[in-house]
């Protein structure tokens, strides 16, 4: 199984979860580079939801992708992609990845 690449739209399990975290098998975007993902067998991802609540840390997905909705940049996670049986479903532009990383930077800097 090939490692996911930055910008991949994937489907994987977010369980176990706690509190208000996204749960279940769901879509996500991969934000870490393939070299990291290959080496560590982890990938840094953010879940995608179909419910747009207008929160400041949501990034809207462009039209024409396999998933519709928003990326929840404030729920960034490092997950073992190999153990969670991910499926790649598509790819976003570098601009969408940059928008996510910029939002994450605002609360990690």
PDB file of N, CA and C in Angstrom:
ATOM      1  N   UNK A   1       0.852  -1.178   0.000  1.00  0.00           N
ATOM      2  CA  UNK A   1       0.000   0.000   0.000  1.00  0.00           C
ATOM      3  C   UNK A   1       0.896   1.239   0.000  1.00  0.00           C
ATOM      4  N   UNK A   2       0.691   2.109  -0.962  1.00  0.00           N
ATOM      5  CA  UNK A   2       1.500   3.328  -1.069  1.00  0.00           C
ATOM      6  C   UNK A   2       1.050   4.362  -0.038  1.00  0.00           C
ATOM      7  N   UNK A   3       2.000   5.108   0.465  1.00  0.00           N
ATOM      8  CA  UNK A   3       1.712   6.152   1.450  1.00  0.00           C
ATOM      9  C   UNK A   3       0.917   7.283   0.807  1.00  0.00           C
ATOM     10  N   UNK A   4       0.029   7.911   1.572  1.00  0.00           N
ATOM     11  CA  UNK A   4      -0.710   9.056   1.048  1.00  0.00           C
ATOM     12  C   UNK A   4       0.216  10.249   0.825  1.00  0.00           C
ATOM     13  N   UNK A   5      -0.207  11.128  -0.078  1.00  0.00           N
ATOM     14  CA  UNK A   5       0.551  12.338  -0.394  1.00  0.00           C
ATOM     15  C   UNK A   5      -0.166  13.561   0.156  1.00  0.00           C
ATOM     16  N   UNK A   6       0.598  14.637   0.361  1.00  0.00           N
ATOM     17  CA  UNK A   6       0.003  15.900   0.799  1.00  0.00           C
ATOM     18  C   UNK A   6      -1.059  16.321  -0.224  1.00  0.00           C
ATOM     19  N   UNK A   7      -2.231  16.685   0.284  1.00  0.00           N
ATOM     20  CA  UNK A   7      -3.325  17.106  -0.578  1.00  0.00           C
ATOM     21  C   UNK A   7      -4.281  15.997  -0.962  1.00  0.00           C
ATOM     22  N   UNK A   8      -3.947  14.750  -0.615  1.00  0.00           N
ATOM     23  CA  UNK A   8      -4.860  13.640  -0.909  1.00  0.00           C
ATOM     24  C   UNK A   8      -6.129  13.768  -0.080  1.00  0.00           C
ATOM     25  N   UNK A   9      -7.243  13.445  -0.707  1.00  0.00           N
ATOM     26  CA  UNK A   9      -8.501  13.279   0.001  1.00  0.00           C
ATOM     27  C   UNK A   9      -8.638  11.790   0.261  1.00  0.00           C
ATOM     28  N   UNK A  10      -8.785  11.430   1.515  1.00  0.00           N
ATOM     29  CA  UNK A  10      -8.808  10.018   1.895  1.00  0.00           C
ATOM     30  C   UNK A  10     -10.046   9.715   2.731  1.00  0.00           C
ATOM     31  N   UNK A  11     -10.323   8.442   2.840  1.00  0.00           N
ATOM     32  CA  UNK A  11     -11.394   7.943   3.690  1.00  0.00           C
ATOM     33  C   UNK A  11     -10.739   7.027   4.711  1.00  0.00           C
ATOM     34  N   UNK A  12     -10.917   7.285   6.012  1.00  0.00           N
ATOM     35  CA  UNK A  12     -10.317   6.454   7.047  1.00  0.00           C
ATOM     36  C   UNK A  12     -11.087   6.587   8.349  1.00  0.00           C
ATOM     37  N   UNK A  13     -10.777   5.721   9.293  1.00  0.00           N
ATOM     38  CA  UNK A  13     -11.474   5.716  10.576  1.00  0.00           C
ATOM     39  C   UNK A  13     -10.825   6.694  11.548  1.00  0.00           C
ATOM     40  N   UNK A  14     -11.665   7.490  12.198  1.00  0.00           N
ATOM     41  CA  UNK A  14     -11.203   8.418  13.233  1.00  0.00           C
ATOM     42  C   UNK A  14     -11.446   7.855  14.639  1.00  0.00           C
ATOM     43  N   UNK A  15     -11.948   6.638  14.734  1.00  0.00           N
ATOM     44  CA  UNK A  15     -12.183   6.028  16.047  1.00  0.00           C
ATOM     45  C   UNK A  15     -10.883   5.474  16.600  1.00  0.00           C
ATOM     46  N   UNK A  16     -10.666   5.527  17.896  1.00  0.00           N
ATOM     47  CA  UNK A  16     -11.557   6.059  18.919  1.00  0.00           C
ATOM     48  C   UNK A  16     -11.509   7.588  18.970  1.00  0.00           C
ATOM     49  N   UNK A  17     -12.529   8.162  19.524  1.00  0.00           N
ATOM     50  CA  UNK A  17     -12.622   9.611  19.681  1.00  0.00           C
ATOM     51  C   UNK A  17     -13.168   9.915  21.065  1.00  0.00           C
ATOM     52  N   UNK A  18     -13.145  11.201  21.417  1.00  0.00           N
ATOM     53  CA  UNK A  18     -13.696  11.634  22.701  1.00  0.00           C
ATOM     54  C   UNK A  18     -14.290  13.022  22.540  1.00  0.00           C
ATOM     55  N   UNK A  19     -15.278  13.321  23.339  1.00  0.00           N
ATOM     56  CA  UNK A  19     -15.864  14.660  23.345  1.00  0.00           C
ATOM     57  C   UNK A  19     -16.436  15.074  22.003  1.00  0.00           C
ATOM     58  N   UNK A  20     -16.031  16.259  21.529  1.00  0.00           N
ATOM     59  CA  UNK A  20     -16.577  16.839  20.302  1.00  0.00           C
ATOM     60  C   UNK A  20     -15.770  16.499  19.059  1.00  0.00           C
ATOM     61  N   UNK A  21     -14.813  15.590  19.161  1.00  0.00           N
ATOM     62  CA  UNK A  21     -13.998  15.215  18.008  1.00  0.00           C
ATOM     63  C   UNK A  21     -14.852  14.485  16.974  1.00  0.00           C
ATOM     64  N   UNK A  22     -14.476  14.636  15.704  1.00  0.00           N
ATOM     65  CA  UNK A  22     -15.122  13.889  14.634  1.00  0.00           C
ATOM     66  C   UNK A  22     -14.824  12.410  14.833  1.00  0.00           C
ATOM     67  N   UNK A  23     -15.810  11.575  14.553  1.00  0.00           N
ATOM     68  CA  UNK A  23     -15.653  10.141  14.800  1.00  0.00           C
ATOM     69  C   UNK A  23     -16.098   9.337  13.589  1.00  0.00           C
ATOM     70  N   UNK A  24     -15.813   8.050  13.635  1.00  0.00           N
ATOM     71  CA  UNK A  24     -16.263   7.136  12.596  1.00  0.00           C
ATOM     72  C   UNK A  24     -15.364   7.142  11.371  1.00  0.00           C
ATOM     73  N   UNK A  25     -15.761   6.346  10.390  1.00  0.00           N
ATOM     74  CA  UNK A  25     -15.046   6.296   9.113  1.00  0.00           C
ATOM     75  C   UNK A  25     -15.529   7.477   8.297  1.00  0.00           C
ATOM     76  N   UNK A  26     -14.593   8.337   7.916  1.00  0.00           N
ATOM     77  CA  UNK A  26     -15.005   9.595   7.293  1.00  0.00           C
ATOM     78  C   UNK A  26     -13.915  10.135   6.388  1.00  0.00           C
ATOM     79  N   UNK A  27     -14.270  11.127   5.570  1.00  0.00           N
ATOM     80  CA  UNK A  27     -13.273  11.753   4.699  1.00  0.00           C
ATOM     81  C   UNK A  27     -12.343  12.680   5.472  1.00  0.00           C
ATOM     82  N   UNK A  28     -11.144  12.835   4.917  1.00  0.00           N
ATOM     83  CA  UNK A  28     -10.137  13.718   5.513  1.00  0.00           C
ATOM     84  C   UNK A  28      -9.188  14.185   4.419  1.00  0.00           C
ATOM     85  N   UNK A  29      -8.423  15.222   4.738  1.00  0.00           N
ATOM     86  CA  UNK A  29      -7.362  15.698   3.855  1.00  0.00           C
ATOM     87  C   UNK A  29      -6.023  15.404   4.525  1.00  0.00           C
ATOM     88  N   UNK A  30      -5.060  14.967   3.728  1.00  0.00           N
ATOM     89  CA  UNK A  30      -3.706  14.710   4.221  1.00  0.00           C
ATOM     90  C   UNK A  30      -2.897  15.995   4.081  1.00  0.00           C
ATOM     91  N   UNK A  31      -2.274  16.442   5.171  1.00  0.00           N
ATOM     92  CA  UNK A  31      -1.486  17.677   5.154  1.00  0.00           C
ATOM     93  C   UNK A  31       0.016  17.435   5.261  1.00  0.00           C
ATOM     94  N   UNK A  32       0.411  16.266   5.705  1.00  0.00           N
ATOM     95  CA  UNK A  32       1.845  15.963   5.822  1.00  0.00           C
ATOM     96  C   UNK A  32       2.386  15.466   4.479  1.00  0.00           C
ATOM     97  N   UNK A  33       3.678  15.715   4.219  1.00  0.00           N
ATOM     98  CA  UNK A  33       4.267  15.272   2.949  1.00  0.00           C
ATOM     99  C   UNK A  33       4.445  13.751   2.903  1.00  0.00           C
ATOM    100  N   UNK A  34       4.465  13.216   1.700  1.00  0.00           N
ATOM    101  CA  UNK A  34       4.586  11.771   1.507  1.00  0.00           C
ATOM    102  C   UNK A  34       5.826  11.203   2.189  1.00  0.00           C
ATOM    103  N   UNK A  35       6.931  11.941   2.170  1.00  0.00           N
ATOM    104  CA  UNK A  35       8.167  11.442   2.792  1.00  0.00           C
ATOM    105  C   UNK A  35       7.965  11.180   4.285  1.00  0.00           C
ATOM    106  N   UNK A  36       7.255  12.062   4.982  1.00  0.00           N
ATOM    107  CA  UNK A  36       6.929  11.866   6.399  1.00  0.00           C
ATOM    108  C   UNK A  36       6.018  10.652   6.562  1.00  0.00           C
ATOM    109  N   UNK A  37       4.998  10.573   5.729  1.00  0.00           N
ATOM    110  CA  UNK A  37       4.012   9.499   5.821  1.00  0.00           C
ATOM    111  C   UNK A  37       4.652   8.127   5.588  1.00  0.00           C
ATOM    112  N   UNK A  38       5.559   8.051   4.622  1.00  0.00           N
ATOM    113  CA  UNK A  38       6.255   6.789   4.338  1.00  0.00           C
ATOM    114  C   UNK A  38       7.153   6.373   5.501  1.00  0.00           C
ATOM    115  N   UNK A  39       7.895   7.328   6.019  1.00  0.00           N
ATOM    116  CA  UNK A  39       8.880   7.038   7.065  1.00  0.00           C
ATOM    117  C   UNK A  39       8.231   6.649   8.383  1.00  0.00           C
ATOM    118  N   UNK A  40       7.208   7.373   8.781  1.00  0.00           N
ATOM    119  CA  UNK A  40       6.610   7.186  10.107  1.00  0.00           C
ATOM    120  C   UNK A  40       5.400   6.260  10.123  1.00  0.00           C
ATOM    121  N   UNK A  41       4.790   6.050   8.959  1.00  0.00           N
ATOM    122  CA  UNK A  41       3.512   5.323   8.836  1.00  0.00           C
ATOM    123  C   UNK A  41       2.364   6.092   9.493  1.00  0.00           C
ATOM    124  N   UNK A  42       2.625   7.360   9.800  1.00  0.00           N
ATOM    125  CA  UNK A  42       1.589   8.271  10.276  1.00  0.00           C
ATOM    126  C   UNK A  42       1.329   9.301   9.186  1.00  0.00           C
ATOM    127  N   UNK A  43       0.160   9.921   9.236  1.00  0.00           N
ATOM    128  CA  UNK A  43      -0.152  11.043   8.362  1.00  0.00           C
ATOM    129  C   UNK A  43      -0.868  12.094   9.201  1.00  0.00           C
ATOM    130  N   UNK A  44      -0.547  13.349   8.955  1.00  0.00           N
ATOM    131  CA  UNK A  44      -1.234  14.451   9.618  1.00  0.00           C
ATOM    132  C   UNK A  44      -2.433  14.800   8.742  1.00  0.00           C
ATOM    133  N   UNK A  45      -3.621  14.689   9.327  1.00  0.00           N
ATOM    134  CA  UNK A  45      -4.856  14.870   8.569  1.00  0.00           C
ATOM    135  C   UNK A  45      -5.810  15.801   9.311  1.00  0.00           C
ATOM    136  N   UNK A  46      -6.774  16.314   8.564  1.00  0.00           N
ATOM    137  CA  UNK A  46      -7.902  17.042   9.146  1.00  0.00           C
ATOM    138  C   UNK A  46      -9.176  16.407   8.607  1.00  0.00           C
ATOM    139  N   UNK A  47     -10.171  16.200   9.471  1.00  0.00           N
ATOM    140  CA  UNK A  47     -11.428  15.617   9.007  1.00  0.00           C
ATOM    141  C   UNK A  47     -12.207  16.591   8.128  1.00  0.00           C
ATOM    142  N   UNK A  48     -13.075  16.019   7.327  1.00  0.00           N
ATOM    143  CA  UNK A  48     -13.974  16.784   6.464  1.00  0.00           C
ATOM    144  C   UNK A  48     -15.396  16.475   6.907  1.00  0.00           C
ATOM    145  N   UNK A  49     -16.225  17.510   6.987  1.00  0.00           N
ATOM    146  CA  UNK A  49     -17.633  17.332   7.324  1.00  0.00           C
ATOM    147  C   UNK A  49     -18.495  17.971   6.241  1.00  0.00           C
ATOM    148  N   UNK A  50     -19.692  17.441   6.070  1.00  0.00           N
ATOM    149  CA  UNK A  50     -20.620  18.006   5.086  1.00  0.00           C
ATOM    150  C   UNK A  50     -21.388  19.195   5.656  1.00  0.00           C
ATOM    151  N   UNK A  51     -21.270  19.420   6.963  1.00  0.00           N
ATOM    152  CA  UNK A  51     -22.008  20.500   7.630  1.00  0.00           C
ATOM    153  C   UNK A  51     -21.126  21.736   7.759  1.00  0.00           C
ATOM    154  N   UNK A  52     -21.462  22.774   6.998  1.00  0.00           N
ATOM    155  CA  UNK A  52     -20.738  24.052   7.037  1.00  0.00           C
ATOM    156  C   UNK A  52     -21.407  24.939   8.078  1.00  0.00           C
ATOM    157  N   UNK A  53     -20.729  25.142   9.210  1.00  0.00           N
ATOM    158  CA  UNK A  53     -21.288  25.963  10.289  1.00  0.00           C
ATOM    159  C   UNK A  53     -20.752  27.390  10.271  1.00  0.00           C
ATOM    160  N   UNK A  54     -19.845  27.675   9.346  1.00  0.00           N
ATOM    161  CA  UNK A  54     -19.298  29.021   9.260  1.00  0.00           C
ATOM    162  C   UNK A  54     -18.263  29.333  10.321  1.00  0.00           C
ATOM    163  N   UNK A  55     -17.679  28.306  10.923  1.00  0.00           N
ATOM    164  CA  UNK A  55     -16.640  28.508  11.928  1.00  0.00           C
ATOM    165  C   UNK A  55     -15.373  29.058  11.275  1.00  0.00           C
ATOM    166  N   UNK A  56     -14.572  29.814  12.026  1.00  0.00           N
ATOM    167  CA  UNK A  56     -13.387  30.446  11.437  1.00  0.00           C
ATOM    168  C   UNK A  56     -12.295  29.469  10.999  1.00  0.00           C
ATOM    169  N   UNK A  57     -12.322  28.231  11.472  1.00  0.00           N
ATOM    170  CA  UNK A  57     -11.276  27.274  11.095  1.00  0.00           C
ATOM    171  C   UNK A  57     -11.761  26.239  10.082  1.00  0.00           C
ATOM    172  N   UNK A  58     -12.815  26.569   9.349  1.00  0.00           N
ATOM    173  CA  UNK A  58     -13.297  25.721   8.263  1.00  0.00           C
ATOM    174  C   UNK A  58     -12.708  26.199   6.938  1.00  0.00           C
ATOM    175  N   UNK A  59     -12.328  25.246   6.097  1.00  0.00           N
ATOM    176  CA  UNK A  59     -11.862  25.541   4.738  1.00  0.00           C
ATOM    177  C   UNK A  59     -12.829  24.849   3.787  1.00  0.00           C
ATOM    178  N   UNK A  60     -13.502  25.641   2.965  1.00  0.00           N
ATOM    179  CA  UNK A  60     -14.496  25.083   2.042  1.00  0.00           C
ATOM    180  C   UNK A  60     -13.815  24.302   0.931  1.00  0.00           C
ATOM    181  N   UNK A  61     -14.338  23.118   0.654  1.00  0.00           N
ATOM    182  CA  UNK A  61     -13.830  22.322  -0.463  1.00  0.00           C
ATOM    183  C   UNK A  61     -14.375  22.882  -1.774  1.00  0.00           C
ATOM    184  N   UNK A  62     -13.547  22.973  -2.796  1.00  0.00           N
ATOM    185  CA  UNK A  62     -14.035  23.425  -4.103  1.00  0.00           C
ATOM    186  C   UNK A  62     -15.017  22.409  -4.699  1.00  0.00           C
ATOM    187  N   UNK A  63     -15.807  22.860  -5.652  1.00  0.00           N
ATOM    188  CA  UNK A  63     -16.742  21.979  -6.361  1.00  0.00           C
ATOM    189  C   UNK A  63     -15.975  20.955  -7.192  1.00  0.00           C
ATOM    190  N   UNK A  64     -16.630  19.857  -7.505  1.00  0.00           N
ATOM    191  CA  UNK A  64     -16.065  18.863  -8.400  1.00  0.00           C
ATOM    192  C   UNK A  64     -15.174  17.821  -7.749  1.00  0.00           C
ATOM    193  N   UNK A  65     -15.145  17.790  -6.436  1.00  0.00           N
ATOM    194  CA  UNK A  65     -14.337  16.795  -5.718  1.00  0.00           C
ATOM    195  C   UNK A  65     -15.239  15.656  -5.232  1.00  0.00           C
ATOM    196  N   UNK A  66     -14.660  14.524  -4.854  1.00  0.00           N
ATOM    197  CA  UNK A  66     -15.484  13.406  -4.391  1.00  0.00           C
ATOM    198  C   UNK A  66     -16.236  13.680  -3.088  1.00  0.00           C
ATOM    199  N   UNK A  67     -15.768  14.649  -2.302  1.00  0.00           N
ATOM    200  CA  UNK A  67     -16.433  15.009  -1.053  1.00  0.00           C
ATOM    201  C   UNK A  67     -16.913  16.452  -1.148  1.00  0.00           C
ATOM    202  N   UNK A  68     -18.044  16.734  -0.492  1.00  0.00           N
ATOM    203  CA  UNK A  68     -18.572  18.099  -0.409  1.00  0.00           C
ATOM    204  C   UNK A  68     -18.562  18.512   1.051  1.00  0.00           C
ATOM    205  N   UNK A  69     -18.275  19.789   1.289  1.00  0.00           N
ATOM    206  CA  UNK A  69     -18.307  20.280   2.655  1.00  0.00           C
ATOM    207  C   UNK A  69     -17.109  21.124   2.996  1.00  0.00           C
ATOM    208  N   UNK A  70     -16.663  21.011   4.247  1.00  0.00           N
ATOM    209  CA  UNK A  70     -15.566  21.834   4.736  1.00  0.00           C
ATOM    210  C   UNK A  70     -14.543  20.977   5.477  1.00  0.00           C
ATOM    211  N   UNK A  71     -13.298  21.425   5.411  1.00  0.00           N
ATOM    212  CA  UNK A  71     -12.201  20.815   6.153  1.00  0.00           C
ATOM    213  C   UNK A  71     -12.167  21.470   7.528  1.00  0.00           C
ATOM    214  N   UNK A  72     -12.081  20.676   8.572  1.00  0.00           N
ATOM    215  CA  UNK A  72     -12.026  21.194   9.942  1.00  0.00           C
ATOM    216  C   UNK A  72     -10.564  21.313  10.365  1.00  0.00           C
ATOM    217  N   UNK A  73      -9.963  22.453  10.041  1.00  0.00           N
ATOM    218  CA  UNK A  73      -8.528  22.652  10.280  1.00  0.00           C
ATOM    219  C   UNK A  73      -8.177  22.670  11.762  1.00  0.00           C
ATOM    220  N   UNK A  74      -9.144  22.931  12.623  1.00  0.00           N
ATOM    221  CA  UNK A  74      -8.866  22.957  14.062  1.00  0.00           C
ATOM    222  C   UNK A  74      -8.910  21.564  14.698  1.00  0.00           C
ATOM    223  N   UNK A  75      -9.171  20.532  13.894  1.00  0.00           N
ATOM    224  CA  UNK A  75      -9.188  19.161  14.422  1.00  0.00           C
ATOM    225  C   UNK A  75      -8.067  18.326  13.804  1.00  0.00           C
ATOM    226  N   UNK A  76      -6.921  18.951  13.607  1.00  0.00           N
ATOM    227  CA  UNK A  76      -5.755  18.288  13.024  1.00  0.00           C
ATOM    228  C   UNK A  76      -5.321  17.111  13.902  1.00  0.00           C
ATOM    229  N   UNK A  77      -4.993  15.982  13.240  1.00  0.00           N
ATOM    230  CA  UNK A  77      -4.607  14.763  13.966  1.00  0.00           C
ATOM    231  C   UNK A  77      -3.486  14.054  13.227  1.00  0.00           C
ATOM    232  N   UNK A  78      -2.666  13.354  13.975  1.00  0.00           N
ATOM    233  CA  UNK A  78      -1.666  12.460  13.405  1.00  0.00           C
ATOM    234  C   UNK A  78      -2.179  11.038  13.611  1.00  0.00           C
ATOM    235  N   UNK A  79      -2.432  10.332  12.500  1.00  0.00           N
ATOM    236  CA  UNK A  79      -3.031   9.003  12.568  1.00  0.00           C
ATOM    237  C   UNK A  79      -2.171   7.975  11.847  1.00  0.00           C
ATOM    238  N   UNK A  80      -2.204   6.753  12.318  1.00  0.00           N
ATOM    239  CA  UNK A  80      -1.517   5.635  11.677  1.00  0.00           C
ATOM    240  C   UNK A  80      -2.336   5.235  10.449  1.00  0.00           C
ATOM    241  N   UNK A  81      -1.950   5.758   9.286  1.00  0.00           N
ATOM    242  CA  UNK A  81      -2.738   5.546   8.065  1.00  0.00           C
ATOM    243  C   UNK A  81      -2.745   4.082   7.652  1.00  0.00           C
ATOM    244  N   UNK A  82      -1.685   3.380   7.908  1.00  0.00           N
ATOM    245  CA  UNK A  82      -1.599   1.977   7.504  1.00  0.00           C
ATOM    246  C   UNK A  82      -2.582   1.124   8.308  1.00  0.00           C
ATOM    247  N   UNK A  83      -2.654   1.345   9.615  1.00  0.00           N
ATOM    248  CA  UNK A  83      -3.546   0.570  10.485  1.00  0.00           C
ATOM    249  C   UNK A  83      -5.011   0.940  10.283  1.00  0.00           C
ATOM    250  N   UNK A  84      -5.279   2.129   9.772  1.00  0.00           N
ATOM    251  CA  UNK A  84      -6.657   2.599   9.622  1.00  0.00           C
ATOM    252  C   UNK A  84      -7.226   2.337   8.230  1.00  0.00           C
ATOM    253  N   UNK A  85      -6.500   1.583   7.406  1.00  0.00           N
ATOM    254  CA  UNK A  85      -6.982   1.162   6.080  1.00  0.00           C
ATOM    255  C   UNK A  85      -7.563   2.325   5.273  1.00  0.00           C
ATOM    256  N   UNK A  86      -6.728   3.315   5.032  1.00  0.00           N
ATOM    257  CA  UNK A  86      -7.198   4.484   4.298  1.00  0.00           C
ATOM    258  C   UNK A  86      -7.449   4.148   2.828  1.00  0.00           C
ATOM    259  N   UNK A  87      -8.325   4.932   2.204  1.00  0.00           N
ATOM    260  CA  UNK A  87      -8.575   4.846   0.766  1.00  0.00           C
ATOM    261  C   UNK A  87      -8.417   6.244   0.192  1.00  0.00           C
ATOM    262  N   UNK A  88      -7.611   6.396  -0.845  1.00  0.00           N
ATOM    263  CA  UNK A  88      -7.471   7.689  -1.510  1.00  0.00           C
ATOM    264  C   UNK A  88      -8.629   7.868  -2.478  1.00  0.00           C
ATOM    265  N   UNK A  89      -9.293   9.022  -2.403  1.00  0.00           N
ATOM    266  CA  UNK A  89     -10.469   9.289  -3.229  1.00  0.00           C
ATOM    267  C   UNK A  89     -10.277  10.447  -4.196  1.00  0.00           C
ATOM    268  N   UNK A  90      -9.231  11.252  -3.997  1.00  0.00           N
ATOM    269  CA  UNK A  90      -9.014  12.409  -4.861  1.00  0.00           C
ATOM    270  C   UNK A  90      -7.872  13.252  -4.338  1.00  0.00           C
ATOM    271  N   UNK A  91      -7.752  14.445  -4.898  1.00  0.00           N
ATOM    272  CA  UNK A  91      -6.653  15.350  -4.541  1.00  0.00           C
ATOM    273  C   UNK A  91      -7.169  16.784  -4.623  1.00  0.00           C
ATOM    274  N   UNK A  92      -6.700  17.625  -3.703  1.00  0.00           N
ATOM    275  CA  UNK A  92      -7.031  19.052  -3.747  1.00  0.00           C
ATOM    276  C   UNK A  92      -5.841  19.825  -4.289  1.00  0.00           C
ATOM    277  N   UNK A  93      -6.065  21.082  -4.598  1.00  0.00           N
ATOM    278  CA  UNK A  93      -5.004  21.948  -5.105  1.00  0.00           C
ATOM    279  C   UNK A  93      -4.065  22.361  -3.975  1.00  0.00           C
ATOM    280  N   UNK A  94      -2.895  22.836  -4.364  1.00  0.00           N
ATOM    281  CA  UNK A  94      -1.938  23.362  -3.382  1.00  0.00           C
ATOM    282  C   UNK A  94      -2.539  24.528  -2.607  1.00  0.00           C
ATOM    283  N   UNK A  95      -3.434  25.277  -3.243  1.00  0.00           N
ATOM    284  CA  UNK A  95      -4.066  26.428  -2.585  1.00  0.00           C
ATOM    285  C   UNK A  95      -4.925  25.983  -1.395  1.00  0.00           C
ATOM    286  N   UNK A  96      -5.667  24.906  -1.550  1.00  0.00           N
ATOM    287  CA  UNK A  96      -6.497  24.398  -0.450  1.00  0.00           C
ATOM    288  C   UNK A  96      -5.608  23.922   0.697  1.00  0.00           C
ATOM    289  N   UNK A  97      -4.536  23.213   0.368  1.00  0.00           N
ATOM    290  CA  UNK A  97      -3.584  22.765   1.396  1.00  0.00           C
ATOM    291  C   UNK A  97      -3.002  23.974   2.122  1.00  0.00           C
ATOM    292  N   UNK A  98      -2.593  24.991   1.369  1.00  0.00           N
ATOM    293  CA  UNK A  98      -2.009  26.196   1.965  1.00  0.00           C
ATOM    294  C   UNK A  98      -3.007  26.899   2.885  1.00  0.00           C
ATOM    295  N   UNK A  99      -4.278  26.945   2.489  1.00  0.00           N
ATOM    296  CA  UNK A  99      -5.308  27.558   3.337  1.00  0.00           C
ATOM    297  C   UNK A  99      -5.419  26.821   4.674  1.00  0.00           C
ATOM    298  N   UNK A 100      -5.385  25.497   4.634  1.00  0.00           N
ATOM    299  CA  UNK A 100      -5.447  24.698   5.868  1.00  0.00           C
ATOM    300  C   UNK A 100      -4.230  24.954   6.746  1.00  0.00           C
ATOM    301  N   UNK A 101      -3.049  24.897   6.142  1.00  0.00           N
ATOM    302  CA  UNK A 101      -1.814  25.079   6.907  1.00  0.00           C
ATOM    303  C   UNK A 101      -1.736  26.474   7.521  1.00  0.00           C
ATOM    304  N   UNK A 102      -2.234  27.468   6.799  1.00  0.00           N
ATOM    305  CA  UNK A 102      -2.235  28.842   7.328  1.00  0.00           C
ATOM    306  C   UNK A 102      -3.126  28.945   8.568  1.00  0.00           C
ATOM    307  N   UNK A 103      -4.305  28.341   8.516  1.00  0.00           N
ATOM    308  CA  UNK A 103      -5.196  28.367   9.682  1.00  0.00           C
ATOM    309  C   UNK A 103      -4.579  27.629  10.867  1.00  0.00           C
ATOM    310  N   UNK A 104      -3.989  26.481  10.607  1.00  0.00           N
ATOM    311  CA  UNK A 104      -3.346  25.715  11.679  1.00  0.00           C
ATOM    312  C   UNK A 104      -2.210  26.524  12.299  1.00  0.00           C
ATOM    313  N   UNK A 105      -1.464  27.212  11.462  1.00  0.00           N
ATOM    314  CA  UNK A 105      -0.356  28.036  11.957  1.00  0.00           C
ATOM    315  C   UNK A 105      -0.857  29.116  12.921  1.00  0.00           C
ATOM    316  N   UNK A 106      -2.063  29.643  12.702  1.00  0.00           N
ATOM    317  CA  UNK A 106      -2.567  30.712  13.570  1.00  0.00           C
ATOM    318  C   UNK A 106      -2.759  30.247  15.007  1.00  0.00           C
ATOM    319  N   UNK A 107      -3.094  28.980  15.214  1.00  0.00           N
ATOM    320  CA  UNK A 107      -3.275  28.540  16.604  1.00  0.00           C
ATOM    321  C   UNK A 107      -2.107  27.719  17.142  1.00  0.00           C
ATOM    322  N   UNK A 108      -1.094  27.473  16.327  1.00  0.00           N
ATOM    323  CA  UNK A 108       0.097  26.784  16.823  1.00  0.00           C
ATOM    324  C   UNK A 108       1.300  27.707  16.964  1.00  0.00           C
ATOM    325  N   UNK A 109       1.166  28.937  16.515  1.00  0.00           N
ATOM    326  CA  UNK A 109       2.313  29.853  16.605  1.00  0.00           C
ATOM    327  C   UNK A 109       2.231  30.724  17.841  1.00  0.00           C
TER     328      UNK A 109
END
